């Protein structure tokens, strides 16, 4: 059983890392016709492997490797998106266990693109990577007002907040949002990111952490667990 469990977990991880969603997915070509993350996760659960084991020993390590490859420019956005889709196909089977309380999330992450900014690719990548690391995601979408962030934190006071901006013109909205959140919530952890955002800007506006890529955010959150 131990050998079989190890083997199926390795197969799930390989599917996620390579973006193999299900048996009908043509991507990647080298795995065409093989079962994907969707089927293998179902098999693992049917064999009695705990959802937490699938998360900790297959999905999280696979998404971590994907993030590290992206940070090293060994893969790019399309490959990351395919890996995230494969991970999400596994999560279709895993999420009911979180909803029932049988399996626990590592934490809650509230994310959105700040007011005036409609860009979401970077935000979506960060959300997918952090969900793949075992966190519950509350995605507020794009053009998110400060009031909407405040309402979300009031609902989940233990959450960590992520703010994204892709335009230099909306960075000031990020500044004012951080200032307002700081004035209302003691000890709230705030992450910022986006193409024009820098480490210096992060410190200047009073946010806790900046990363130029999703993996950095994942590593920061891992240190909070």
Protein backbone atom coordinates (compact mmCIF):
# COMPACT_ATOMS: atom_id res chain seq x y z
CA UNK A 1 0.00 0.00 0.00
CA UNK A 2 2.87 2.38 0.86
CA UNK A 3 4.47 1.81 -2.54
CA UNK A 4 1.14 2.28 -4.31
CA UNK A 5 0.43 5.46 -2.33
CA UNK A 6 3.86 6.90 -3.08
CA UNK A 7 3.47 6.07 -6.75
CA UNK A 8 0.06 7.69 -7.17
CA UNK A 9 1.15 10.80 -5.26
CA UNK A 10 4.18 11.10 -7.53
CA UNK A 11 1.93 10.76 -10.57
CA UNK A 12 -0.41 13.49 -9.30
CA UNK A 13 2.54 15.78 -8.66
CA UNK A 14 3.94 15.10 -12.14
CA UNK A 15 0.58 15.91 -13.72
CA UNK A 16 0.35 19.21 -11.86
CA UNK A 17 3.94 20.17 -12.59
CA UNK A 18 3.50 19.40 -16.29
CA UNK A 19 -0.01 20.81 -16.64
CA UNK A 20 -1.78 17.51 -17.34
CA UNK A 21 -5.39 18.23 -16.39
CA UNK A 22 -7.27 15.05 -17.30
CA UNK A 23 -7.23 12.11 -19.69
CA UNK A 24 -8.79 14.17 -22.48
CA UNK A 25 -6.30 17.01 -22.22
CA UNK A 26 -3.87 17.09 -25.18
CA UNK A 27 -1.30 19.00 -23.11
CA UNK A 28 1.48 18.20 -22.65
CA UNK A 29 1.91 16.14 -25.84
CA UNK A 30 4.25 13.71 -24.04
CA UNK A 31 1.39 12.71 -21.68
CA UNK A 32 -1.39 12.53 -24.28
CA UNK A 33 -3.90 9.79 -23.50
CA UNK A 34 -2.71 9.35 -19.91
CA UNK A 35 -4.86 9.99 -16.88
CA UNK A 36 -4.40 13.46 -15.47
CA UNK A 37 -4.55 15.14 -12.09
CA UNK A 38 -8.36 14.94 -12.09
CA UNK A 39 -8.60 11.15 -12.40
CA UNK A 40 -5.54 10.35 -10.28
CA UNK A 41 -6.75 12.46 -7.36
CA UNK A 42 -10.08 10.62 -7.47
CA UNK A 43 -8.24 7.27 -7.47
CA UNK A 44 -6.11 8.36 -4.51
CA UNK A 45 -9.14 9.36 -2.46
CA UNK A 46 -10.92 6.13 -3.40
CA UNK A 47 -7.88 4.21 -2.10
CA UNK A 48 -8.26 5.94 1.25
CA UNK A 49 -5.42 8.42 0.93
CA UNK A 50 -6.26 11.45 3.07
CA UNK A 51 -6.91 14.77 1.28
CA UNK A 52 -4.29 16.41 3.52
CA UNK A 53 -1.70 13.88 2.34
CA UNK A 54 -2.54 14.59 -1.31
CA UNK A 55 -2.17 18.31 -0.61
CA UNK A 56 1.04 18.07 1.43
CA UNK A 57 2.82 15.34 -0.53
CA UNK A 58 1.67 16.02 -4.10
CA UNK A 59 -0.06 19.32 -4.86
CA UNK A 60 1.94 21.68 -2.66
CA UNK A 61 5.39 20.34 -3.64
CA UNK A 62 4.40 20.34 -7.33
CA UNK A 63 3.18 23.93 -7.27
CA UNK A 64 6.28 24.94 -5.34
CA UNK A 65 8.48 23.49 -8.07
CA UNK A 66 6.38 25.29 -10.69
CA UNK A 67 6.86 28.56 -8.83
CA UNK A 68 10.59 28.04 -8.54
CA UNK A 69 10.89 27.29 -12.26
CA UNK A 70 8.93 30.45 -13.05
CA UNK A 71 11.22 32.48 -10.79
CA UNK A 72 14.24 31.12 -12.69
CA UNK A 73 12.59 31.87 -16.07
CA UNK A 74 12.61 28.16 -16.93
CA UNK A 75 8.87 28.29 -17.63
CA UNK A 76 6.56 31.17 -18.48
CA UNK A 77 2.97 32.32 -17.87
CA UNK A 78 1.27 29.78 -20.22
CA UNK A 79 2.98 26.82 -18.50
CA UNK A 80 2.14 28.25 -15.10
CA UNK A 81 -1.49 28.61 -16.06
CA UNK A 82 -1.64 24.99 -17.27
CA UNK A 83 -0.09 23.80 -14.01
CA UNK A 84 -2.63 25.83 -12.07
CA UNK A 85 -5.47 24.35 -14.12
CA UNK A 86 -4.19 20.85 -13.37
CA UNK A 87 -4.00 21.72 -9.67
CA UNK A 88 -7.54 23.09 -9.79
CA UNK A 89 -8.76 19.83 -11.35
CA UNK A 90 -7.38 18.02 -8.30
CA UNK A 91 -8.98 20.57 -6.00
CA UNK A 92 -12.43 19.71 -7.41
CA UNK A 93 -12.15 16.48 -5.40
CA UNK A 94 -10.31 18.01 -2.41
CA UNK A 95 -12.43 21.10 -1.73
CA UNK A 96 -15.46 19.24 -0.32
CA UNK A 97 -13.23 18.00 2.51
CA UNK A 98 -12.27 21.60 3.34
CA UNK A 99 -15.92 22.67 3.26
CA UNK A 100 -16.89 19.87 5.64
CA UNK A 101 -14.04 20.76 7.98
CA UNK A 102 -12.44 17.33 7.67
CA UNK A 103 -9.33 18.94 6.20
CA UNK A 104 -7.98 22.28 7.42
CA UNK A 105 -6.65 25.17 5.34
CA UNK A 106 -3.32 26.71 6.28
CA UNK A 107 -4.91 30.16 6.36
CA UNK A 108 -7.01 32.65 4.40
CA UNK A 109 -5.64 35.00 1.74
CA UNK A 110 -7.71 37.93 0.49
CA UNK A 111 -6.54 39.24 -2.88
CA UNK A 112 -7.65 41.81 -5.42
CA UNK A 113 -6.46 44.40 -7.92
CA UNK A 114 -6.75 47.89 -6.48
CA UNK A 115 -9.32 50.52 -7.44
CA UNK A 116 -8.95 51.85 -10.99
CA UNK A 117 -6.95 48.84 -12.23
CA UNK A 118 -8.61 46.16 -14.37
CA UNK A 119 -5.61 43.86 -14.87
CA UNK A 120 -5.94 40.39 -13.38
CA UNK A 121 -3.42 37.95 -14.89
CA UNK A 122 -0.79 38.57 -12.22
CA UNK A 123 -3.38 38.52 -9.46
CA UNK A 124 -4.81 35.26 -10.77
CA UNK A 125 -1.39 33.61 -10.91
CA UNK A 126 -0.65 34.59 -7.32
CA UNK A 127 -4.08 33.34 -6.20
CA UNK A 128 -3.59 30.01 -7.96
CA UNK A 129 -0.12 29.50 -6.49
CA UNK A 130 -1.24 30.36 -2.96
CA UNK A 131 -4.28 28.09 -3.22
CA UNK A 132 -1.91 25.38 -4.40
CA UNK A 133 0.05 25.94 -1.19
CA UNK A 134 -3.03 25.03 0.85
CA UNK A 135 -4.60 28.42 1.59
CA UNK A 136 -8.21 29.46 1.18
CA UNK A 137 -8.50 32.21 -1.44
CA UNK A 138 -10.98 35.07 -1.31
CA UNK A 139 -10.59 36.77 -4.69
CA UNK A 140 -12.22 40.19 -4.70
CA UNK A 141 -11.56 40.66 -8.43
CA UNK A 142 -10.39 43.86 -10.12
CA UNK A 143 -11.04 47.56 -9.50
CA UNK A 144 -11.48 46.78 -5.80
CA UNK A 145 -12.33 49.68 -3.52
CA UNK A 146 -10.73 50.10 -0.13
CA UNK A 147 -14.17 49.62 1.40
CA UNK A 148 -14.44 46.19 -0.18
CA UNK A 149 -11.09 45.15 1.29
CA UNK A 150 -12.19 46.41 4.69
CA UNK A 151 -15.44 44.46 4.51
CA UNK A 152 -13.56 41.29 3.56
CA UNK A 153 -11.12 41.63 6.46
CA UNK A 154 -13.99 42.28 8.86
CA UNK A 155 -15.45 38.93 7.73
CA UNK A 156 -12.05 37.16 8.02
CA UNK A 157 -9.97 39.11 10.57
CA UNK A 158 -7.29 36.42 10.67
CA UNK A 159 -6.65 36.69 6.92
CA UNK A 160 -3.60 37.98 5.06
CA UNK A 161 -4.28 40.60 2.37
CA UNK A 162 -2.70 40.88 -1.09
CA UNK A 163 -2.94 44.03 -3.23
CA UNK A 164 -2.07 44.04 -6.93
CA UNK A 165 -1.50 46.94 -9.33
CA UNK A 166 -0.20 46.94 -12.88
CA UNK A 167 -0.46 50.66 -13.62
CA UNK A 168 1.71 53.41 -12.16
CA UNK A 169 -1.44 55.54 -11.98
CA UNK A 170 -3.11 53.09 -9.59
CA UNK A 171 -0.14 52.70 -7.24
CA UNK A 172 -1.40 55.68 -5.23
CA UNK A 173 -4.66 53.81 -4.70
CA UNK A 174 -2.56 50.97 -3.30
CA UNK A 175 -0.91 53.46 -0.93
CA UNK A 176 -4.21 54.84 0.35
CA UNK A 177 -5.67 51.34 0.70
CA UNK A 178 -2.73 50.19 2.83
CA UNK A 179 -3.00 53.32 4.98
CA UNK A 180 -6.71 52.76 5.60
CA UNK A 181 -6.29 49.05 6.37
CA UNK A 182 -3.47 49.85 8.79
CA UNK A 183 -5.63 52.39 10.61
CA UNK A 184 -8.39 49.83 11.17
CA UNK A 185 -6.69 46.47 11.72
CA UNK A 186 -3.78 45.98 14.10
CA UNK A 187 -1.33 43.29 13.06
CA UNK A 188 -2.82 42.76 9.60
CA UNK A 189 -0.27 41.34 7.14
CA UNK A 190 -0.37 43.08 3.75
CA UNK A 191 1.44 41.87 0.61
CA UNK A 192 1.80 44.00 -2.51
CA UNK A 193 2.83 43.20 -6.07
CA UNK A 194 2.56 44.09 -9.73
CA UNK A 195 4.83 45.21 -12.54
CA UNK A 196 5.49 48.80 -11.33
CA UNK A 197 5.71 47.90 -7.63
CA UNK A 198 9.12 47.72 -5.97
CA UNK A 199 10.58 46.77 -2.61
CA UNK A 200 11.20 50.45 -1.91
CA UNK A 201 7.58 51.35 -2.67
CA UNK A 202 6.39 48.51 -0.44
CA UNK A 203 8.36 49.87 2.50
CA UNK A 204 7.36 53.45 1.73
CA UNK A 205 3.62 52.72 1.92
CA UNK A 206 3.88 50.54 5.01
CA UNK A 207 3.12 47.13 3.49
CA UNK A 208 4.74 44.02 4.96
CA UNK A 209 6.08 42.23 1.91
CA UNK A 210 6.74 42.57 -1.81
CA UNK A 211 7.73 39.92 -4.30
CA UNK A 212 8.29 40.21 -8.05
CA UNK A 213 6.83 36.72 -8.57
CA UNK A 214 4.18 34.44 -7.02
CA UNK A 215 6.66 32.03 -5.45
CA UNK A 216 7.99 34.78 -3.20
CA UNK A 217 4.50 35.34 -1.81
CA UNK A 218 4.09 31.60 -1.23
CA UNK A 219 7.38 31.44 0.68
CA UNK A 220 6.42 34.45 2.82
CA UNK A 221 3.09 32.86 3.74
CA UNK A 222 4.80 29.57 4.53
CA UNK A 223 6.82 31.38 7.19
CA UNK A 224 3.57 32.61 8.78
CA UNK A 225 2.06 29.13 9.17
